[in-house]
């Protein structure tokens, strides 16, 4: 068995399933400015399971499209490549969760928290005028920011269960109790997972530092941090961390608002929860 906690975590992350090859290719192609929509459609259509799941997600209330989409080609025209990438990642991520893990980690609550954080992160990115591609990346970063917890729940259930229990009982940040019982936190595990999935550097950094605002400036990370607190404040799902952090000065400066004021200013947050729930129930 590896000696250091870091080496041990590397072994555990390697045990996690990779995203389907089709999803990996979609992520790569959407990051390539020279790739054509035709190339991306071809990759998706060569995976019948992924095609069905994407079309089913697109036609759910989560996207609220006025007309039924019956092909990936039409989907690209109507909603764009970035949203297709988001759906592919979302569907793949959902397929990784084990609801019967020995840590008693509530995966349905976790998924609702992850999806609402993703949607709110994208909403915040739009509010501060980020590009369409950056807004899409904010969605993905929000969706995957806590997936290091999935590694712990699956492969270190005893230690993770103790971390979850102490976090809840003493109202301590989960990433703090994870360090106590595991030696590392879910952000570090998430970083390794994102690297395994070959996500872009800004996405990897947003996942790695979503609890560390002292690191270098990262707009994606700031959107995820704020969205994470908003989702917890609104009690959308449960990511296992009971502590809601007030917006520090850097986040207030970024968005021009405190946490409570931002929750008041954002409209239709409840609809985000409802739509996320419909996506989970696909």
Protein backbone atom coordinates (compact mmCIF):
# COMPACT_ATOMS: atom_id res chain seq x y z
CA UNK A 1 0.00 0.00 0.00
CA UNK A 2 1.41 3.47 -0.79
CA UNK A 3 2.97 5.25 2.17
CA UNK A 4 1.81 8.84 1.83
CA UNK A 5 -1.81 9.96 1.84
CA UNK A 6 -1.22 11.62 -1.52
CA UNK A 7 0.07 8.40 -3.07
CA UNK A 8 -2.86 6.52 -1.58
CA UNK A 9 -5.30 9.01 -3.07
CA UNK A 10 -3.68 8.67 -6.49
CA UNK A 11 -4.33 4.92 -6.31
CA UNK A 12 -7.96 5.50 -5.30
CA UNK A 13 -8.61 8.03 -8.05
CA UNK A 14 -7.18 5.58 -10.57
CA UNK A 15 -9.87 3.11 -9.46
CA UNK A 16 -12.61 5.58 -10.36
CA UNK A 17 -14.17 4.92 -13.77
CA UNK A 18 -13.12 7.18 -16.60
CA UNK A 19 -15.77 9.12 -18.44
CA UNK A 20 -16.99 7.25 -21.53
CA UNK A 21 -14.67 7.76 -24.49
CA UNK A 22 -17.39 9.68 -26.31
CA UNK A 23 -17.63 12.18 -23.44
CA UNK A 24 -13.85 12.58 -23.33
CA UNK A 25 -13.83 13.29 -27.05
CA UNK A 26 -16.66 15.83 -26.76
CA UNK A 27 -14.75 17.69 -24.03
CA UNK A 28 -11.59 17.69 -26.15
CA UNK A 29 -13.37 18.83 -29.31
CA UNK A 30 -15.31 21.64 -27.62
CA UNK A 31 -11.98 22.94 -26.31
CA UNK A 32 -10.48 22.95 -29.83
CA UNK A 33 -11.27 26.15 -31.73
CA UNK A 34 -10.55 24.34 -34.99
CA UNK A 35 -13.02 21.51 -34.35
CA UNK A 36 -16.26 21.61 -36.29
CA UNK A 37 -19.76 21.00 -35.00
CA UNK A 38 -19.95 18.15 -37.48
CA UNK A 39 -17.05 16.38 -35.76
CA UNK A 40 -18.73 16.67 -32.35
CA UNK A 41 -22.10 15.46 -33.62
CA UNK A 42 -20.40 12.46 -35.23
CA UNK A 43 -18.73 11.49 -31.93
CA UNK A 44 -22.00 11.65 -30.00
CA UNK A 45 -24.03 9.81 -32.63
CA UNK A 46 -21.50 6.95 -32.56
CA UNK A 47 -22.53 6.37 -28.92
CA UNK A 48 -26.24 5.43 -29.03
CA UNK A 49 -26.62 5.40 -25.24
CA UNK A 50 -25.15 8.88 -24.90
CA UNK A 51 -27.31 10.14 -27.78
CA UNK A 52 -30.51 8.90 -26.13
CA UNK A 53 -29.55 10.36 -22.75
CA UNK A 54 -28.63 13.75 -24.20
CA UNK A 55 -31.89 14.01 -26.15
CA UNK A 56 -33.87 12.90 -23.10
CA UNK A 57 -32.16 15.56 -20.96
CA UNK A 58 -32.69 18.23 -23.61
CA UNK A 59 -36.40 17.53 -23.78
CA UNK A 60 -36.81 17.61 -19.99
CA UNK A 61 -38.11 20.65 -18.05
CA UNK A 62 -34.50 21.36 -17.01
CA UNK A 63 -33.94 23.03 -20.40
CA UNK A 64 -37.50 24.09 -21.09
CA UNK A 65 -37.12 24.17 -24.87
CA UNK A 66 -40.27 25.21 -26.78
CA UNK A 67 -39.99 22.39 -29.31
CA UNK A 68 -38.98 18.76 -29.01
CA UNK A 69 -35.42 18.09 -30.19
CA UNK A 70 -35.14 14.82 -32.09
CA UNK A 71 -31.51 14.79 -33.22
CA UNK A 72 -28.10 15.82 -31.94
CA UNK A 73 -27.61 17.93 -35.06
CA UNK A 74 -30.73 19.96 -34.26
CA UNK A 75 -29.63 20.19 -30.64
CA UNK A 76 -26.35 21.83 -31.63
CA UNK A 77 -28.22 24.39 -33.75
CA UNK A 78 -30.71 25.22 -30.99
CA UNK A 79 -28.54 25.26 -27.86
CA UNK A 80 -24.89 25.28 -28.92
CA UNK A 81 -21.89 23.05 -28.39
CA UNK A 82 -21.11 24.20 -24.85
CA UNK A 83 -24.51 23.13 -23.57
CA UNK A 84 -24.12 19.77 -25.32
CA UNK A 85 -20.81 19.36 -23.49
CA UNK A 86 -22.48 20.26 -20.17
CA UNK A 87 -25.22 17.68 -20.70
CA UNK A 88 -22.74 14.97 -21.68
CA UNK A 89 -20.68 15.63 -18.55
CA UNK A 90 -23.78 15.81 -16.37
CA UNK A 91 -25.14 12.50 -17.64
CA UNK A 92 -21.73 10.83 -17.26
CA UNK A 93 -21.23 12.20 -13.74
CA UNK A 94 -24.67 11.01 -12.62
CA UNK A 95 -23.80 7.52 -13.78
CA UNK A 96 -20.82 7.38 -11.42
CA UNK A 97 -22.75 7.75 -8.17
CA UNK A 98 -23.30 4.72 -5.94
CA UNK A 99 -26.41 5.29 -3.78
CA UNK A 100 -25.53 2.28 -1.61
CA UNK A 101 -22.08 3.42 -0.46
CA UNK A 102 -20.92 2.30 3.00
CA UNK A 103 -20.31 5.89 4.12
CA UNK A 104 -24.09 6.48 4.07
CA UNK A 105 -23.39 9.48 1.85
CA UNK A 106 -26.68 10.79 0.46
CA UNK A 107 -25.97 10.74 -3.28
CA UNK A 108 -29.39 12.09 -4.32
CA UNK A 109 -28.95 15.10 -2.02
CA UNK A 110 -25.38 15.46 -3.27
CA UNK A 111 -26.47 15.42 -6.90
CA UNK A 112 -29.16 18.04 -6.30
CA UNK A 113 -26.60 20.27 -4.58
CA UNK A 114 -24.14 19.74 -7.45
CA UNK A 115 -26.66 20.50 -10.20
CA UNK A 116 -28.05 23.61 -8.49
CA UNK A 117 -24.53 24.85 -7.79
CA UNK A 118 -23.77 24.35 -11.48
CA UNK A 119 -26.85 26.26 -12.65
CA UNK A 120 -26.31 29.11 -10.16
CA UNK A 121 -22.61 29.31 -11.06
CA UNK A 122 -23.55 29.75 -14.72
CA UNK A 123 -26.15 32.36 -13.75
CA UNK A 124 -23.57 34.36 -11.78
CA UNK A 125 -21.14 34.15 -14.70
CA UNK A 126 -23.80 35.57 -17.01
CA UNK A 127 -24.51 38.40 -14.55
CA UNK A 128 -20.89 39.57 -14.58
CA UNK A 129 -20.67 39.38 -18.37
CA UNK A 130 -18.48 36.34 -18.96
CA UNK A 131 -18.39 34.81 -22.43
CA UNK A 132 -20.68 31.98 -23.42
CA UNK A 133 -17.78 29.52 -23.23
CA UNK A 134 -16.79 30.75 -19.75
CA UNK A 135 -20.40 30.50 -18.57
CA UNK A 136 -20.46 26.91 -19.81
CA UNK A 137 -17.23 26.17 -17.96
CA UNK A 138 -18.73 27.67 -14.79
CA UNK A 139 -21.59 25.18 -15.10
CA UNK A 140 -19.17 22.26 -15.43
CA UNK A 141 -16.99 23.48 -12.55
CA UNK A 142 -20.06 23.85 -10.35
CA UNK A 143 -21.31 20.39 -11.31
CA UNK A 144 -18.01 18.67 -10.54
CA UNK A 145 -16.65 20.81 -7.68
CA UNK A 146 -17.48 18.23 -4.99
CA UNK A 147 -16.86 15.01 -6.89
CA UNK A 148 -13.81 14.27 -4.76
CA UNK A 149 -16.37 13.25 -2.13
CA UNK A 150 -17.48 10.46 -4.47
CA UNK A 151 -13.94 9.04 -4.34
CA UNK A 152 -14.02 9.08 -0.53
CA UNK A 153 -17.52 7.59 -0.30
CA UNK A 154 -16.62 4.76 -2.66
CA UNK A 155 -13.09 3.87 -1.56
CA UNK A 156 -12.61 5.31 1.95
CA UNK A 157 -16.13 4.93 3.36
CA UNK A 158 -15.20 4.38 7.02
CA UNK A 159 -13.01 7.47 7.26
CA UNK A 160 -15.40 9.57 5.18
CA UNK A 161 -18.33 8.55 7.36
CA UNK A 162 -16.47 9.77 10.45
CA UNK A 163 -15.67 13.06 8.68
CA UNK A 164 -19.32 13.52 7.69
CA UNK A 165 -20.54 12.78 11.21
CA UNK A 166 -18.13 15.14 12.96
CA UNK A 167 -18.81 17.88 10.41
CA UNK A 168 -22.54 17.59 11.08
CA UNK A 169 -22.38 17.16 14.86
CA UNK A 170 -19.94 20.01 15.49
CA UNK A 171 -20.96 22.22 12.53
CA UNK A 172 -17.44 22.19 11.12
CA UNK A 173 -16.50 22.55 7.44
CA UNK A 174 -16.38 19.11 5.86
CA UNK A 175 -13.06 19.79 4.14
CA UNK A 176 -11.61 20.39 7.63
CA UNK A 177 -12.88 17.09 9.10
CA UNK A 178 -11.82 15.23 5.95
CA UNK A 179 -8.26 16.32 6.64
CA UNK A 180 -8.54 15.03 10.18
CA UNK A 181 -9.81 11.56 9.29
CA UNK A 182 -8.47 11.09 5.75
CA UNK A 183 -5.44 13.38 5.66
CA UNK A 184 -6.63 15.12 2.49
CA UNK A 185 -9.81 16.91 1.46
CA UNK A 186 -12.28 16.49 -1.39
CA UNK A 187 -10.86 19.47 -3.29
CA UNK A 188 -7.54 17.66 -3.62
CA UNK A 189 -9.29 14.46 -4.68
CA UNK A 190 -11.43 16.44 -7.10
CA UNK A 191 -8.35 18.00 -8.67
CA UNK A 192 -6.87 14.56 -9.36
CA UNK A 193 -10.18 13.34 -10.73
CA UNK A 194 -10.45 16.35 -13.05
CA UNK A 195 -6.90 15.72 -14.26
CA UNK A 196 -7.77 12.08 -14.92
CA UNK A 197 -10.77 13.24 -16.94
CA UNK A 198 -8.46 15.62 -18.86
CA UNK A 199 -10.49 18.74 -18.17
CA UNK A 200 -9.07 22.16 -18.98
CA UNK A 201 -6.64 23.89 -16.59
CA UNK A 202 -9.13 26.63 -15.54
CA UNK A 203 -11.70 23.94 -14.67
CA UNK A 204 -9.15 21.89 -12.72
CA UNK A 205 -8.09 24.99 -10.77
CA UNK A 206 -11.69 26.00 -10.02
CA UNK A 207 -12.37 22.54 -8.59
CA UNK A 208 -9.08 22.40 -6.69
CA UNK A 209 -9.40 25.81 -5.03
CA UNK A 210 -13.14 26.26 -4.43
CA UNK A 211 -12.42 26.40 -0.68
CA UNK A 212 -9.21 28.42 -1.09
CA UNK A 213 -9.85 31.99 -2.14
CA UNK A 214 -6.33 33.04 -1.18
CA UNK A 215 -4.88 31.37 -4.26
CA UNK A 216 -4.39 33.26 -7.52
CA UNK A 217 -7.39 35.02 -9.07
CA UNK A 218 -9.81 32.65 -10.78
CA UNK A 219 -13.18 33.87 -12.02
CA UNK A 220 -14.55 30.35 -12.43
CA UNK A 221 -13.53 29.50 -8.86
CA UNK A 222 -15.23 32.66 -7.55
CA UNK A 223 -18.47 31.77 -9.34
CA UNK A 224 -18.37 28.25 -7.93
CA UNK A 225 -17.61 29.46 -4.40
CA UNK A 226 -20.51 31.91 -4.46
CA UNK A 227 -22.92 29.43 -6.07
CA UNK A 228 -21.92 26.77 -3.54
CA UNK A 229 -22.85 29.05 -0.62
CA UNK A 230 -26.10 30.14 -2.30
CA UNK A 231 -27.13 26.52 -2.88
CA UNK A 232 -26.42 25.67 0.77
CA UNK A 233 -28.20 28.82 1.99
CA UNK A 234 -31.26 27.85 -0.06
CA UNK A 235 -31.02 24.26 1.24
CA UNK A 236 -30.87 22.81 -2.27
CA UNK A 237 -29.84 19.21 -1.70
CA UNK A 238 -27.02 18.30 0.65
CA UNK A 239 -23.34 18.05 -0.21
CA UNK A 240 -22.46 16.89 3.30
CA UNK A 241 -21.06 20.24 4.46
CA UNK A 242 -23.37 22.06 6.91
CA UNK A 243 -21.31 25.26 7.08
CA UNK A 244 -22.44 28.21 4.98
CA UNK A 245 -19.64 30.73 4.49
CA UNK A 246 -20.39 34.44 4.26
CA UNK A 247 -19.03 36.12 1.15
CA UNK A 248 -15.54 37.45 1.96
CA UNK A 249 -14.51 40.86 0.70
CA UNK A 250 -13.06 39.51 -2.56
CA UNK A 251 -16.36 37.83 -3.47
CA UNK A 252 -18.44 40.85 -2.46
CA UNK A 253 -16.20 42.95 -4.70
CA UNK A 254 -16.49 40.46 -7.55
CA UNK A 255 -20.31 40.32 -7.52
CA UNK A 256 -21.17 43.59 -5.78
CA UNK A 257 -23.30 41.85 -3.19
CA UNK A 258 -23.32 39.94 0.09
CA UNK A 259 -24.63 36.37 0.26
CA UNK A 260 -28.06 37.30 1.63
CA UNK A 261 -28.47 40.21 -0.78
CA UNK A 262 -27.46 38.00 -3.71
CA UNK A 263 -30.04 35.38 -2.74
CA UNK A 264 -32.69 38.12 -2.67
CA UNK A 265 -31.53 39.58 -5.99
CA UNK A 266 -31.49 36.32 -7.94
CA UNK A 267 -34.90 35.44 -9.33
CA UNK A 268 -36.41 32.00 -9.73
CA UNK A 269 -33.91 30.14 -7.54
CA UNK A 270 -36.67 27.70 -6.63
CA UNK A 271 -37.20 26.97 -10.32
CA UNK A 272 -33.51 26.05 -10.57
CA UNK A 273 -34.09 23.45 -7.85
CA UNK A 274 -37.20 22.11 -9.60
CA UNK A 275 -35.43 21.87 -12.94
CA UNK A 276 -32.41 20.16 -11.39
CA UNK A 277 -34.70 17.63 -9.74
CA UNK A 278 -36.30 16.87 -13.09
CA UNK A 279 -32.84 16.24 -14.56
CA UNK A 280 -32.05 13.79 -11.74
CA UNK A 281 -35.30 11.93 -12.37
CA UNK A 282 -34.58 11.31 -16.06
